[in-house]
Protein backbone atom coordinates (compact mmCIF):
# COMPACT_ATOMS: atom_id res chain seq x y z
CA UNK A 1 0.00 0.00 0.00
CA UNK A 2 1.42 3.36 -1.03
CA UNK A 3 0.16 6.90 -1.08
CA UNK A 4 -0.68 8.54 -4.39
CA UNK A 5 0.91 11.88 -3.55
CA UNK A 6 3.60 12.82 -6.08
CA UNK A 7 2.98 9.78 -8.29
CA UNK A 8 2.40 10.53 -11.96
CA UNK A 9 -0.71 8.65 -13.09
CA UNK A 10 -0.60 6.42 -16.12
CA UNK A 11 -2.02 7.86 -19.33
CA UNK A 12 -5.67 6.95 -19.87
CA UNK A 13 -6.14 8.70 -23.22
CA UNK A 14 -3.80 9.77 -26.02
CA UNK A 15 -5.21 12.69 -28.03
CA UNK A 16 -3.98 12.69 -31.63
CA UNK A 17 -3.53 15.53 -34.01
CA UNK A 18 -4.45 14.10 -37.41
CA UNK A 19 -2.86 15.95 -40.35
CA UNK A 20 0.87 15.12 -40.62
CA UNK A 21 0.65 13.21 -37.31
CA UNK A 22 -1.72 10.27 -37.76
CA UNK A 23 -1.56 10.38 -41.54
CA UNK A 24 0.92 11.59 -44.13
CA UNK A 25 -0.54 14.85 -45.40
CA UNK A 26 -3.34 17.34 -44.93
CA UNK A 27 -6.86 16.18 -45.77
CA UNK A 28 -7.94 19.57 -47.10
CA UNK A 29 -4.93 19.60 -49.44
CA UNK A 30 -4.70 15.91 -50.26
CA UNK A 31 -7.84 13.90 -50.98
CA UNK A 32 -6.62 10.69 -49.44
CA UNK A 33 -3.54 10.85 -47.15
CA UNK A 34 -2.50 7.45 -45.82
CA UNK A 35 -1.91 6.77 -42.12
CA UNK A 36 1.69 6.35 -41.02
CA UNK A 37 2.44 2.64 -40.35
CA UNK A 38 4.12 3.53 -37.05
CA UNK A 39 1.01 5.43 -35.98
CA UNK A 40 -1.20 2.43 -36.71
CA UNK A 41 1.12 0.20 -34.68
CA UNK A 42 0.94 2.61 -31.74
CA UNK A 43 -2.85 2.83 -31.99
CA UNK A 44 -3.08 -0.94 -31.76
CA UNK A 45 -0.45 -1.40 -29.04
CA UNK A 46 -2.03 1.15 -26.69
CA UNK A 47 -5.56 -0.07 -27.39
CA UNK A 48 -4.58 -3.59 -26.29
CA UNK A 49 -3.41 -2.10 -22.97
CA UNK A 50 -6.66 -0.23 -22.42
CA UNK A 51 -5.34 3.25 -23.33
CA UNK A 52 -8.05 5.23 -25.11
CA UNK A 53 -7.56 7.27 -28.28
CA UNK A 54 -9.15 10.61 -29.17
CA UNK A 55 -8.51 13.17 -31.91
CA UNK A 56 -8.19 16.95 -31.98
CA UNK A 57 -7.77 18.44 -35.45
CA UNK A 58 -7.80 21.86 -37.09
CA UNK A 59 -9.96 21.23 -40.13
CA UNK A 60 -13.50 20.95 -41.41
CA UNK A 61 -15.46 18.42 -39.32
CA UNK A 62 -17.33 16.77 -42.21
CA UNK A 63 -14.12 16.26 -44.21
CA UNK A 64 -12.24 14.74 -41.27
CA UNK A 65 -15.07 12.43 -40.24
CA UNK A 66 -15.47 11.22 -43.81
CA UNK A 67 -11.77 10.48 -44.13
CA UNK A 68 -11.66 8.65 -40.78
CA UNK A 69 -14.58 6.50 -41.89
CA UNK A 70 -13.25 5.80 -45.37
CA UNK A 71 -9.87 4.82 -43.98
CA UNK A 72 -11.46 2.57 -41.34
CA UNK A 73 -9.97 4.64 -38.53
CA UNK A 74 -13.13 5.98 -36.89
CA UNK A 75 -13.59 2.97 -34.59
CA UNK A 76 -10.26 3.68 -32.90
CA UNK A 77 -11.42 6.98 -31.40
CA UNK A 78 -13.72 7.46 -28.42
CA UNK A 79 -13.97 11.23 -28.95
CA UNK A 80 -13.19 13.51 -31.89
CA UNK A 81 -12.97 17.32 -31.75
CA UNK A 82 -12.55 19.06 -35.11
CA UNK A 83 -12.64 22.82 -35.70
CA UNK A 84 -10.51 25.94 -35.84
CA UNK A 85 -10.21 26.75 -32.14
CA UNK A 86 -7.29 26.18 -29.77
CA UNK A 87 -6.10 22.61 -29.40
CA UNK A 88 -6.05 23.05 -25.62
CA UNK A 89 -9.79 23.73 -25.64
CA UNK A 90 -10.35 20.59 -27.70
CA UNK A 91 -8.22 18.51 -25.32
CA UNK A 92 -10.13 19.89 -22.33
CA UNK A 93 -13.49 19.02 -23.93
CA UNK A 94 -12.28 15.50 -24.67
CA UNK A 95 -11.27 14.96 -21.03
CA UNK A 96 -14.64 16.27 -19.86
CA UNK A 97 -16.49 14.08 -22.35
CA UNK A 98 -14.63 10.95 -21.26
CA UNK A 99 -14.88 11.88 -17.58
CA UNK A 100 -11.13 11.62 -16.92
CA UNK A 101 -8.64 13.98 -15.30
CA UNK A 102 -6.38 16.12 -17.46
CA UNK A 103 -3.39 14.65 -15.64
CA UNK A 104 -4.21 11.31 -17.30
CA UNK A 105 -4.34 12.79 -20.83
CA UNK A 106 -1.46 12.93 -23.33
CA UNK A 107 -1.27 14.84 -26.62
CA UNK A 108 0.74 14.15 -29.78
CA UNK A 109 1.19 16.69 -32.60
CA UNK A 110 3.73 17.38 -35.33
CA UNK A 111 3.51 21.15 -34.83
CA UNK A 112 5.67 22.52 -31.98
CA UNK A 113 3.49 25.64 -31.77
CA UNK A 114 0.39 23.52 -31.15
CA UNK A 115 2.19 21.50 -28.48
CA UNK A 116 3.42 24.69 -26.81
CA UNK A 117 -0.12 26.10 -26.74
CA UNK A 118 -1.44 22.95 -25.04
CA UNK A 119 1.48 22.85 -22.60
CA UNK A 120 0.93 26.49 -21.63
CA UNK A 121 -2.84 26.18 -21.16
CA UNK A 122 -2.87 22.65 -19.70
CA UNK A 123 0.49 22.02 -17.99
CA UNK A 124 -0.72 18.71 -16.55
CA UNK A 125 -1.18 17.23 -20.05
CA UNK A 126 1.91 15.41 -21.31
CA UNK A 127 2.83 16.38 -24.89
CA UNK A 128 4.90 14.51 -27.48
CA UNK A 129 6.19 15.34 -30.98
CA UNK A 130 4.81 13.23 -33.83
CA UNK A 131 8.25 11.93 -34.75
CA UNK A 132 8.27 10.00 -31.44
CA UNK A 133 5.08 8.09 -32.26
CA UNK A 134 6.87 4.75 -32.61
CA UNK A 135 8.45 5.14 -29.15
CA UNK A 136 5.24 6.08 -27.32
CA UNK A 137 4.35 2.46 -26.35
CA UNK A 138 7.77 2.04 -24.73
CA UNK A 139 7.33 4.99 -22.38
CA UNK A 140 6.51 4.00 -18.77
CA UNK A 141 3.48 6.29 -18.53
CA UNK A 142 1.81 4.21 -21.27
CA UNK A 143 2.46 0.90 -19.52
CA UNK A 144 -0.22 0.06 -16.93
CA UNK A 145 0.83 -2.42 -14.26
CA UNK A 146 -1.99 -4.78 -15.25
CA UNK A 147 -3.78 -5.39 -18.54
CA UNK A 148 -7.09 -6.74 -17.27
CA UNK A 149 -10.16 -8.05 -19.06
CA UNK A 150 -11.76 -4.63 -18.61
CA UNK A 151 -8.67 -2.89 -20.02
CA UNK A 152 -8.68 -5.03 -23.15
CA UNK A 153 -12.20 -3.88 -23.98
CA UNK A 154 -12.05 -0.35 -22.61
CA UNK A 155 -12.58 1.22 -26.04
CA UNK A 156 -15.77 -0.81 -26.44
CA UNK A 157 -16.97 0.34 -23.01
CA UNK A 158 -16.41 4.00 -23.83
CA UNK A 159 -18.06 3.74 -27.23
CA UNK A 160 -21.07 2.18 -25.52
CA UNK A 161 -21.00 5.17 -23.19
CA UNK A 162 -21.56 7.36 -26.25
CA UNK A 163 -24.84 5.50 -26.82
CA UNK A 164 -25.82 6.29 -23.24
CA UNK A 165 -24.99 9.97 -23.75
CA UNK A 166 -27.15 10.09 -26.86
CA UNK A 167 -30.01 8.50 -24.90
CA UNK A 168 -29.50 11.03 -22.10
CA UNK A 169 -29.86 13.92 -24.56
CA UNK A 170 -33.31 12.62 -25.48
CA UNK A 171 -34.45 13.23 -21.88
CA UNK A 172 -33.18 16.81 -21.85
CA UNK A 173 -33.09 18.28 -18.34
CA UNK A 174 -35.09 15.44 -16.77
CA UNK A 175 -32.11 13.61 -15.29
CA UNK A 176 -34.14 11.47 -12.90
CA UNK A 177 -36.18 10.11 -15.79
CA UNK A 178 -32.99 9.26 -17.66
CA UNK A 179 -31.48 7.43 -14.65
CA UNK A 180 -34.71 5.53 -14.13
CA UNK A 181 -34.67 4.46 -17.79
CA UNK A 182 -31.22 2.86 -17.46
CA UNK A 183 -32.34 -0.01 -15.18
CA UNK A 184 -29.07 0.24 -13.25
CA UNK A 185 -28.05 -2.81 -11.21
CA UNK A 186 -24.99 -2.88 -8.94
CA UNK A 187 -23.57 -6.20 -7.83
CA UNK A 188 -21.50 -5.93 -4.64
CA UNK A 189 -19.41 -8.92 -3.59
CA UNK A 190 -16.16 -9.93 -1.90
CA UNK A 191 -13.16 -9.68 -4.23
CA UNK A 192 -12.06 -13.02 -5.66
CA UNK A 193 -8.62 -13.99 -6.93
CA UNK A 194 -9.77 -13.19 -10.46
CA UNK A 195 -10.76 -9.66 -9.34
CA UNK A 196 -7.48 -8.64 -7.71
CA UNK A 197 -5.69 -7.39 -10.83
CA UNK A 198 -8.67 -5.22 -11.80
CA UNK A 199 -9.09 -3.97 -8.22
CA UNK A 200 -5.42 -3.00 -8.08
CA UNK A 201 -5.75 -1.34 -11.49
CA UNK A 202 -8.60 0.78 -10.14
CA UNK A 203 -6.43 2.07 -7.29
CA UNK A 204 -3.77 3.06 -9.85
CA UNK A 205 -6.12 4.67 -12.37
CA UNK A 206 -8.88 6.26 -10.29
CA UNK A 207 -8.05 9.62 -8.72
CA UNK A 208 -11.14 11.84 -8.80
CA UNK A 209 -13.49 9.50 -6.92
CA UNK A 210 -10.88 8.06 -4.56
CA UNK A 211 -11.28 8.65 -0.83
CA UNK A 212 -7.67 8.32 0.29
CA UNK A 213 -5.51 8.11 -2.84
CA UNK A 214 -3.86 4.88 -1.70
CA UNK A 215 -2.40 2.33 -4.11
CA UNK A 216 -2.89 -1.37 -3.36
CA UNK A 217 -1.13 -3.99 -5.44
CA UNK A 218 -2.67 -7.41 -5.97
CA UNK A 219 -0.58 -9.02 -3.23
CA UNK A 220 -1.71 -6.46 -0.65
CA UNK A 221 -5.35 -6.86 -1.65
CA UNK A 222 -4.95 -10.64 -1.45
CA UNK A 223 -3.58 -10.31 2.10
CA UNK A 224 -6.40 -8.00 3.16
CA UNK A 225 -9.01 -10.29 1.61
CA UNK A 226 -7.72 -13.16 3.75
CA UNK A 227 -7.68 -11.07 6.93
CA UNK A 228 -10.68 -11.58 9.27
CA UNK A 229 -10.36 -7.92 10.26
CA UNK A 230 -10.76 -6.59 6.72
CA UNK A 231 -13.26 -6.70 3.88
CA UNK A 232 -12.27 -6.14 0.26
CA UNK A 233 -15.30 -5.70 -1.99
CA UNK A 234 -15.78 -4.96 -5.64
CA UNK A 235 -18.78 -3.38 -7.30
CA UNK A 236 -19.91 -4.31 -10.80
CA UNK A 237 -22.49 -2.26 -12.69
CA UNK A 238 -24.79 -2.98 -15.59
CA UNK A 239 -27.70 -1.27 -17.32
CA UNK A 240 -29.91 -1.79 -20.35
CA UNK A 241 -27.01 -0.91 -22.66
CA UNK A 242 -24.64 -3.51 -21.24
CA UNK A 243 -22.06 -4.28 -18.58
CA UNK A 244 -19.73 -1.57 -17.24
CA UNK A 245 -17.51 -4.21 -15.63
CA UNK A 246 -15.96 -3.76 -12.18
CA UNK A 247 -16.20 -0.05 -11.44
CA UNK A 248 -15.82 0.21 -7.67
CA UNK A 249 -13.70 -0.96 -4.76
CA UNK A 250 -14.21 -0.69 -1.00
CA UNK A 251 -11.64 -1.71 1.63
CA UNK A 252 -12.98 -1.70 5.19
CA UNK A 253 -11.44 -2.65 8.51
CA UNK A 254 -13.35 -3.98 11.51
CA UNK A 255 -11.74 -2.06 14.38
CA UNK A 256 -13.47 -2.71 17.67
CA UNK A 257 -16.98 -1.36 17.30
CA UNK A 258 -16.15 0.56 14.11
CA UNK A 259 -16.45 -0.40 10.45
CA UNK A 260 -13.71 1.82 9.03
CA UNK A 261 -13.73 2.59 5.31
CA UNK A 262 -10.01 2.80 4.55
CA UNK A 263 -10.47 3.20 0.81
CA UNK A 264 -13.46 3.66 -1.42
CA UNK A 265 -13.27 4.53 -5.09
CA UNK A 266 -15.44 4.60 -8.18
CA UNK A 267 -14.40 4.65 -11.81
CA UNK A 268 -14.70 8.06 -13.44
CA UNK A 269 -16.79 6.39 -16.15
CA UNK A 270 -19.76 6.12 -13.80
CA UNK A 271 -19.36 9.38 -11.88
CA UNK A 272 -22.51 10.83 -13.44
CA UNK A 273 -24.64 7.84 -12.39
CA UNK A 274 -24.62 8.68 -8.68
CA UNK A 275 -23.65 5.11 -7.80
CA UNK A 276 -20.89 6.18 -5.41
CA UNK A 277 -23.55 7.29 -2.95
CA UNK A 278 -25.43 4.04 -3.55
CA UNK A 279 -22.40 1.94 -2.61
CA UNK A 280 -21.68 4.07 0.45
CA UNK A 281 -25.31 3.90 1.53
CA UNK A 282 -25.27 0.11 1.30
CA UNK A 283 -22.06 -0.15 3.33
CA UNK A 284 -23.47 2.19 5.98
CA UNK A 285 -26.71 0.24 6.34
CA UNK A 286 -24.80 -3.03 6.51
CA UNK A 287 -22.50 -1.72 9.27
CA UNK A 288 -25.41 -0.38 11.30
CA UNK A 289 -27.27 -3.68 10.94
CA UNK A 290 -24.21 -5.44 12.35
CA UNK A 291 -24.05 -3.08 15.33
CA UNK A 292 -20.97 -1.27 14.03
CA UNK A 293 -20.31 2.45 13.74
CA UNK A 294 -19.65 3.53 10.14
CA UNK A 295 -16.38 5.50 9.91
CA UNK A 296 -14.52 6.72 6.82
CA UNK A 297 -11.13 8.23 6.17
CA UNK A 298 -10.57 10.94 3.58
CA UNK A 299 -7.20 12.26 2.40
CA UNK A 300 -7.44 15.29 0.09
CA UNK A 301 -5.54 15.28 -3.20
CA UNK A 302 -5.47 17.74 -6.07
CA UNK A 303 -8.46 16.11 -7.78
CA UNK A 304 -10.64 14.15 -5.32
CA UNK A 305 -12.82 16.82 -3.74
CA UNK A 306 -15.87 15.25 -5.39
CA UNK A 307 -15.31 12.17 -3.26
CA UNK A 308 -15.58 14.24 -0.10
CA UNK A 309 -18.87 15.64 -1.40
CA UNK A 310 -20.03 12.07 -2.06
CA UNK A 311 -19.09 10.97 1.45
CA UNK A 312 -20.91 13.94 3.00
CA UNK A 313 -23.98 13.35 0.85
CA UNK A 314 -24.07 9.69 1.94
CA UNK A 315 -24.21 10.76 5.61
CA UNK A 316 -20.59 10.87 6.78
CA UNK A 317 -19.78 13.87 8.96
CA UNK A 318 -16.26 15.15 9.82
CA UNK A 319 -15.33 14.53 13.45
CA UNK A 320 -11.53 14.78 13.59
CA UNK A 321 -8.35 15.50 11.65
CA UNK A 322 -5.29 13.28 11.98
CA UNK A 323 -2.41 14.83 10.04
CA UNK A 324 -3.57 15.10 6.43
CA UNK A 325 -6.39 12.62 7.05
CA UNK A 326 -9.97 13.58 7.84
CA UNK A 327 -12.03 11.17 9.95
CA UNK A 328 -15.77 11.06 9.27
CA UNK A 329 -18.56 9.18 11.02
CA UNK A 330 -22.23 8.50 10.41
CA UNK A 331 -24.75 9.64 13.01
CA UNK A 332 -27.11 6.65 13.34
CA UNK A 333 -29.85 8.90 14.67
CA UNK A 334 -30.14 10.82 11.40
CA UNK A 335 -32.02 9.43 8.42
CA UNK A 336 -29.85 8.40 5.49
CA UNK A 337 -30.32 10.08 2.08
CA UNK A 338 -32.59 8.27 -0.35
CA UNK A 339 -31.24 6.49 -3.42
CA UNK A 340 -31.92 8.96 -6.24
CA UNK A 341 -29.91 7.13 -8.90
CA UNK A 342 -32.58 4.40 -9.21
CA UNK A 343 -29.88 1.75 -8.78
CA UNK A 344 -30.81 -1.69 -7.51
CA UNK A 345 -28.12 -3.34 -5.36
CA UNK A 346 -27.51 -7.08 -5.36
CA UNK A 347 -25.16 -7.90 -2.49
CA UNK A 348 -23.23 -11.03 -1.57
CA UNK A 349 -21.45 -9.14 1.21
CA UNK A 350 -23.57 -9.65 4.32
CA UNK A 351 -21.07 -9.98 7.17
CA UNK A 352 -21.12 -10.23 10.93
CA UNK A 353 -18.36 -8.99 13.24
CA UNK A 354 -15.92 -11.72 14.18
């Protein structure tokens, strides 16, 4: 177990310039520029590791989209921003669309002026010249510790998320109606041996909805899972569009009369579903039913303030500060917030204190 402070997160998404970076030429000047072979190899190598691809191009949107489709490249990209504005604005919109932090985004462009503009506006985004495209897969920031089943189909999961976004637009401002239409089901269960790599990957990749910013490798999670004083649980989510995979992790410790939430995190992909509060609410009710006092720890980082909001909304109240750690407890005499995400929970985690 290690703290996240000072650790550079792995890249979750590589944003590509297109003209003279992905392909050899400028679409508006050349009817049919071919992709660079090295670029195609990098696209494939990173995709197999679960690194997403997006595109930010200065051009006419219809021309670029047509060329991507005709060249069979459109399926590689989870988000495409084409226009004549600043590349930094396009990169920011891509991160917002994918629900990931800018510190997990990288940008590749042949034009040093474009890279400088992005670096100045978004200093947390790592930038690379196009001539290094063949060396990108060898860089450590593009090498996740684990390549899990979820990682190998991450592009598919994000493209399915586009279908959900399109459905959400049909409901307009009626967000509750949209959530109700999803038929969300969360399965909460103890982590198995097959889950440990994905659970560890979540601690490495998830920063915004992470209560303490701790990293757990698979061996540490295995040890905690075997400990009678700890519970390691994973949350899987599905809806009418399909399976999100394992999107949540909770590590609790039974400490006397307390059920202490040492780490709770949720994938950024499901941040807008409100399921973080659903998981917390279930853990709180379970602890109270077992005669335990629900306690949580929170360690602030540069990006996880939303997790503190989620904890507070679920009923945790600050009671003490221990160094950089905030201690929160649930007042059992106060009613818990209702589940407004319309998520049904299926739990295999009923426990009793040892």
